[in-house]
Amino acid sequence: MKRILVPTDFSKHADHALRVAAQIARKNGGEIYLLHMLELPQQGSDMVHNGSDIPQIMFFKNYAIKKLEDLMRADFLQGISVFEIIQFEKTFDGILNISRKNNIDLIVMGSHGASGYEEMFIGSNAEKVVRNAEVPVLVIKNEIEDFKAKKIVFASDFSPEIKKSFGKLVALATLFDSHLDLIMINTPNNFKPTAVAENIMADFLKDVDFANYSTHIYNDVNVEKGILNYSSSVDADLIGMCTHGRTGFSHFFNGSISEDLVNHAVRPVITFKI
């Protein structure tokens, strides 16, 4: 995870994400791509073809350049290779496009979350990126002065299809010398006897080259609450999840636990696309 993309709108939440990204980059000799999307009010119309709008565009661009340059001088970025990017595009589309173009390994985003009406009809850019990004996405909600990730809770059904994504989690855990709490959530609608759950996890882990983990089975009313409650009980530094990235009607009716966690969890959440 050496090439790290950090989208910024110059908010405090984006600053929290940048500070964490800097800690990760410093730890593994990585570099940061600092991205600001210029999503103008009339974007999507023919405004760029109207010469009278050019001064407005230049004003926003020059303002963004100054803000990025101020960020680049931050003490916590000293000694880290940082590349600034300004893109005229919708935020969500731009993040994914820049990620592909620059072979990004990790996206680190700040988020204030969303709930209720806003969550159902609008959602957050972080939620959309989690759903669609091909690389791991780390979502930061609060300021973290020392990002250690010593205890990572990873919740899963431990099916064979997540093996590749799990390898990326192991790489992160190795970097931070983390202990992985591997947890299967038992719910009333999808209950597994303890012996069955243990066998599934043991079979999944039999050829995993990583020893610093423990396995757990946790009962709760639903998966999201189980993850949040267990993470709170062990004071986890980070919550990890895999996501299928459902879209369209499938996503509307079935939802996504990973996206719900991004919106509702106070702790940092990292997602891995299956």
Protein backbone atom coordinates (compact mmCIF):
# COMPACT_ATOMS: atom_id res chain seq x y z
CA MET A 1 0.00 0.00 0.00
CA LYS A 2 2.59 2.50 -1.14
CA ARG A 3 0.48 4.66 -3.47
CA ILE A 4 -2.17 6.37 -1.35
CA LEU A 5 -4.95 8.56 -2.71
CA VAL A 6 -6.47 11.15 -0.37
CA PRO A 7 -9.43 13.16 -1.69
CA THR A 8 -9.80 16.51 0.08
CA ASP A 9 -12.45 19.20 0.20
CA PHE A 10 -10.32 21.07 2.79
CA SER A 11 -12.72 20.10 5.60
CA LYS A 12 -11.63 18.90 9.03
CA HIS A 13 -12.73 15.36 8.12
CA ALA A 14 -10.50 15.39 5.04
CA ASP A 15 -7.66 16.69 7.20
CA HIS A 16 -8.14 13.76 9.62
CA ALA A 17 -7.83 11.36 6.67
CA LEU A 18 -4.70 13.08 5.33
CA ARG A 19 -2.99 12.86 8.71
CA VAL A 20 -3.65 9.11 8.87
CA ALA A 21 -2.50 8.66 5.26
CA ALA A 22 0.73 10.49 6.13
CA GLN A 23 1.36 8.10 9.03
CA ILE A 24 0.81 5.08 6.76
CA ALA A 25 3.03 6.52 4.01
CA ARG A 26 5.79 7.35 6.48
CA LYS A 27 5.68 3.84 7.94
CA ASN A 28 6.07 2.00 4.63
CA GLY A 29 7.90 4.54 2.45
CA GLY A 30 4.77 5.37 0.48
CA GLU A 31 3.63 8.41 -1.45
CA ILE A 32 0.43 10.44 -1.32
CA TYR A 33 -1.73 11.66 -4.19
CA LEU A 34 -3.69 14.60 -2.81
CA LEU A 35 -6.83 15.13 -4.88
CA HIS A 36 -9.26 18.01 -4.95
CA MET A 37 -12.31 17.74 -7.17
CA LEU A 38 -13.66 20.97 -8.62
CA GLU A 39 -17.34 20.12 -8.72
CA LEU A 40 -18.75 23.44 -9.90
CA PRO A 41 -22.43 24.34 -9.34
CA GLN A 42 -23.29 24.19 -13.06
CA GLN A 43 -21.21 21.06 -13.71
CA GLY A 44 -22.87 18.78 -16.20
CA SER A 45 -24.18 21.66 -18.32
CA ASP A 46 -22.44 23.42 -21.20
CA MET A 47 -20.90 26.02 -18.88
CA VAL A 48 -17.35 25.26 -19.99
CA HIS A 49 -18.30 26.33 -23.48
CA ASN A 50 -19.45 29.73 -22.28
CA GLY A 51 -16.56 32.18 -22.30
CA SER A 52 -18.15 34.33 -19.60
CA ASP A 53 -17.76 31.48 -17.10
CA ILE A 54 -13.99 31.18 -17.54
CA PRO A 55 -13.18 33.76 -14.80
CA GLN A 56 -15.33 31.78 -12.36
CA ILE A 57 -13.59 28.54 -13.25
CA MET A 58 -10.16 30.15 -12.87
CA PHE A 59 -11.16 31.63 -9.51
CA PHE A 60 -12.11 28.22 -8.12
CA LYS A 61 -9.01 26.59 -9.61
CA ASN A 62 -6.61 29.21 -8.22
CA TYR A 63 -8.28 28.98 -4.82
CA ALA A 64 -7.87 25.19 -4.85
CA ILE A 65 -4.20 25.48 -5.89
CA LYS A 66 -3.50 27.83 -2.97
CA LYS A 67 -5.28 25.57 -0.49
CA LEU A 68 -3.39 22.50 -1.76
CA GLU A 69 -0.07 24.32 -1.57
CA ASP A 70 -0.85 25.33 2.02
CA LEU A 71 -1.62 21.68 2.83
CA MET A 72 1.60 20.51 1.18
CA ARG A 73 3.57 22.66 3.65
CA ALA A 74 2.00 20.96 6.69
CA ASP A 75 4.55 19.67 9.19
CA PHE A 76 3.07 16.17 9.21
CA LEU A 77 3.75 15.81 5.46
CA GLN A 78 7.42 16.76 5.61
CA GLY A 79 9.67 14.10 4.08
CA ILE A 80 6.79 12.37 2.27
CA SER A 81 6.40 12.50 -1.52
CA VAL A 82 3.08 14.26 -2.15
CA PHE A 83 1.56 14.88 -5.58
CA GLU A 84 -1.27 17.38 -5.92
CA ILE A 85 -4.09 16.83 -8.40
CA ILE A 86 -6.98 19.11 -9.31
CA GLN A 87 -9.74 17.55 -11.38
CA PHE A 88 -12.89 19.04 -12.94
CA GLU A 89 -15.27 16.15 -12.36
CA LYS A 90 -17.98 14.86 -10.07
CA THR A 91 -16.35 13.87 -6.78
CA PHE A 92 -17.27 10.19 -6.83
CA ASP A 93 -16.35 9.65 -10.51
CA GLY A 94 -13.13 11.60 -10.18
CA ILE A 95 -11.88 9.62 -7.21
CA LEU A 96 -12.35 6.31 -9.04
CA ASN A 97 -10.85 7.60 -12.30
CA ILE A 98 -7.78 9.08 -10.64
CA SER A 99 -7.33 5.89 -8.63
CA ARG A 100 -7.22 3.77 -11.79
CA LYS A 101 -5.04 6.22 -13.71
CA ASN A 102 -2.38 6.33 -10.98
CA ASN A 103 -2.45 2.65 -9.95
CA ILE A 104 -3.46 3.58 -6.42
CA ASP A 105 -3.07 0.89 -3.73
CA LEU A 106 -5.19 2.51 -1.00
CA ILE A 107 -7.78 5.27 -0.80
CA VAL A 108 -8.01 7.13 2.52
CA MET A 109 -11.13 9.26 2.95
CA GLY A 110 -12.62 11.39 5.66
CA SER A 111 -16.34 11.14 6.29
CA HIS A 112 -18.93 12.56 8.64
CA GLY A 113 -21.30 9.73 7.68
CA ALA A 114 -24.97 9.95 6.78
CA SER A 115 -28.16 8.80 8.41
CA GLY A 116 -31.91 8.65 7.99
CA TYR A 117 -33.38 10.40 4.95
CA GLU A 118 -29.97 11.61 3.77
CA GLU A 119 -28.51 8.11 3.92
CA MET A 120 -31.37 6.57 1.94
CA PHE A 121 -31.63 9.12 -0.84
CA ILE A 122 -28.21 10.76 -1.01
CA GLY A 123 -25.61 8.75 0.84
CA SER A 124 -22.03 9.91 1.21
CA ASN A 125 -19.20 9.99 -1.30
CA ALA A 126 -17.31 7.63 1.01
CA GLU A 127 -20.16 5.12 0.79
CA LYS A 128 -20.18 5.29 -3.00
CA VAL A 129 -16.42 4.88 -3.22
CA VAL A 130 -16.54 1.88 -0.86
CA ARG A 131 -19.18 0.31 -3.09
CA ASN A 132 -17.26 0.77 -6.34
CA ALA A 133 -13.51 1.11 -5.70
CA GLU A 134 -11.31 -1.78 -6.79
CA VAL A 135 -8.70 -1.02 -4.12
CA PRO A 136 -9.03 -0.99 -0.32
CA VAL A 137 -10.75 2.09 1.11
CA LEU A 138 -9.95 3.36 4.60
CA VAL A 139 -12.58 5.71 6.03
CA ILE A 140 -11.63 8.01 8.91
CA LYS A 141 -14.25 9.76 11.05
CA ASN A 142 -12.18 11.49 13.72
CA GLU A 143 -8.73 12.91 14.36
CA ILE A 144 -6.20 10.16 15.14
CA GLU A 145 -2.86 11.48 16.32
CA ASP A 146 -1.21 8.04 16.37
CA PHE A 147 -2.71 5.52 13.93
CA LYS A 148 -1.48 2.19 15.26
CA ALA A 149 -4.07 -0.36 14.14
CA LYS A 150 -2.74 -2.73 16.79
CA LYS A 151 -6.10 -4.50 17.06
CA ILE A 152 -8.10 -5.04 13.87
CA VAL A 153 -11.54 -6.63 13.95
CA PHE A 154 -12.29 -8.40 10.68
CA ALA A 155 -15.84 -9.68 10.27
CA SER A 156 -16.68 -12.15 7.53
CA ASP A 157 -18.49 -15.33 6.56
CA PHE A 158 -15.03 -16.74 5.66
CA SER A 159 -16.13 -18.07 2.32
CA PRO A 160 -13.42 -19.04 -0.23
CA GLU A 161 -14.23 -16.03 -2.44
CA ILE A 162 -12.68 -13.57 0.03
CA LYS A 163 -9.24 -15.25 0.12
CA LYS A 164 -7.62 -12.73 -2.23
CA SER A 165 -9.03 -9.75 -0.34
CA PHE A 166 -8.00 -11.31 2.96
CA GLY A 167 -4.43 -11.33 1.70
CA LYS A 168 -4.51 -7.53 1.52
CA LEU A 169 -5.72 -7.39 5.10
CA VAL A 170 -2.84 -9.64 6.18
CA ALA A 171 -0.39 -7.31 4.41
CA LEU A 172 -1.80 -4.35 6.35
CA ALA A 173 -1.68 -6.29 9.62
CA THR A 174 1.93 -7.26 8.94
CA LEU A 175 2.86 -3.62 8.31
CA PHE A 176 1.37 -2.45 11.61
CA ASP A 177 2.20 -5.59 13.61
CA SER A 178 -1.54 -5.93 14.26
CA HIS A 179 -3.50 -8.59 16.03
CA LEU A 180 -6.46 -9.74 13.94
CA ASP A 181 -9.69 -10.53 15.75
CA LEU A 182 -11.41 -12.69 13.13
CA ILE A 183 -15.11 -12.76 13.90
CA MET A 184 -18.15 -14.52 12.52
CA ILE A 185 -21.44 -12.89 13.53
CA ASN A 186 -24.31 -15.24 14.34
CA THR A 187 -27.78 -13.75 13.84
CA PRO A 188 -31.27 -15.21 14.33
CA ASN A 189 -31.84 -15.21 10.56
CA ASN A 190 -28.51 -16.85 9.75
CA PHE A 191 -27.57 -18.94 12.75
CA LYS A 192 -24.76 -21.50 12.68
CA PRO A 193 -23.97 -23.92 15.50
CA THR A 194 -20.63 -23.15 17.12
CA ALA A 195 -19.02 -26.33 15.78
CA VAL A 196 -20.07 -25.48 12.21
CA ALA A 197 -18.81 -21.89 12.47
CA GLU A 198 -15.49 -23.05 13.94
CA ASN A 199 -14.99 -25.56 11.15
CA ILE A 200 -15.67 -22.93 8.47
CA MET A 201 -13.10 -20.57 9.99
CA ALA A 202 -10.52 -23.32 10.54
CA ASP A 203 -10.82 -24.48 6.95
CA PHE A 204 -10.44 -20.91 5.67
CA LEU A 205 -7.32 -20.29 7.77
CA LYS A 206 -5.50 -23.60 7.28
CA ASP A 207 -3.15 -22.25 4.57
CA VAL A 208 -2.92 -18.63 5.78
CA ASP A 209 0.68 -17.58 6.44
CA PHE A 210 -0.06 -15.31 9.40
CA ALA A 211 -0.07 -16.29 13.06
CA ASN A 212 -1.11 -13.19 15.02
CA TYR A 213 -4.85 -13.76 15.07
CA SER A 214 -7.66 -15.17 17.16
CA THR A 215 -11.08 -16.43 16.08
CA HIS A 216 -14.40 -15.52 17.64
CA ILE A 217 -18.10 -16.25 17.20
CA TYR A 218 -20.42 -13.48 18.33
CA ASN A 219 -24.20 -13.49 18.60
CA ASP A 220 -26.30 -10.40 17.93
CA VAL A 221 -29.58 -9.30 16.37
CA ASN A 222 -27.92 -8.41 13.05
CA VAL A 223 -24.46 -8.37 11.53
CA GLU A 224 -23.87 -4.61 11.70
CA LYS A 225 -24.76 -4.38 15.39
CA GLY A 226 -22.67 -7.46 16.10
CA ILE A 227 -19.60 -5.90 14.48
CA LEU A 228 -20.08 -2.57 16.25
CA ASN A 229 -20.77 -4.14 19.63
CA TYR A 230 -17.88 -6.59 19.43
CA SER A 231 -15.47 -3.88 18.24
CA SER A 232 -16.49 -1.70 21.16
CA SER A 233 -16.07 -4.55 23.65
CA VAL A 234 -12.43 -5.16 22.59
CA ASP A 235 -11.66 -1.47 21.92
CA ALA A 236 -10.63 -2.16 18.33
CA ASP A 237 -8.45 0.34 16.47
CA LEU A 238 -9.85 -0.59 13.06
CA ILE A 239 -12.78 -2.53 11.58
CA GLY A 240 -12.22 -4.51 8.38
CA MET A 241 -14.84 -5.84 5.97
CA CYS A 242 -15.09 -7.23 2.47
CA THR A 243 -17.71 -5.85 0.11
CA HIS A 244 -19.32 -7.24 -3.02
CA GLY A 245 -20.03 -3.73 -4.28
CA ARG A 246 -23.65 -4.36 -5.16
CA THR A 247 -25.33 -1.73 -7.30
CA GLY A 248 -28.79 -0.94 -8.62
CA PHE A 249 -31.88 -2.73 -7.31
CA SER A 250 -29.81 -5.42 -5.62
CA HIS A 251 -28.12 -2.77 -3.50
CA PHE A 252 -31.37 -0.92 -2.78
CA PHE A 253 -33.18 -4.00 -1.48
CA ASN A 254 -30.29 -5.85 0.12
CA GLY A 255 -28.10 -2.99 1.27
CA SER A 256 -24.46 -3.39 2.16
CA ILE A 257 -23.10 -4.02 5.63
CA SER A 258 -19.80 -2.37 4.68
CA GLU A 259 -21.52 0.81 3.56
CA ASP A 260 -23.70 0.87 6.67
CA LEU A 261 -20.58 0.59 8.80
CA VAL A 262 -18.94 3.44 6.90
CA ASN A 263 -21.94 5.60 7.78
CA HIS A 264 -22.50 4.49 11.36
CA ALA A 265 -19.17 3.40 12.87
CA VAL A 266 -17.15 5.87 14.90
CA ARG A 267 -14.01 3.78 14.54
CA PRO A 268 -12.01 3.71 11.28
CA VAL A 269 -13.31 1.21 8.72
CA ILE A 270 -11.32 -0.39 5.91
CA THR A 271 -13.07 -2.26 3.11
CA PHE A 272 -11.74 -4.71 0.54
CA LYS A 273 -13.54 -5.37 -2.73
CA ILE A 274 -14.19 -9.02 -3.48
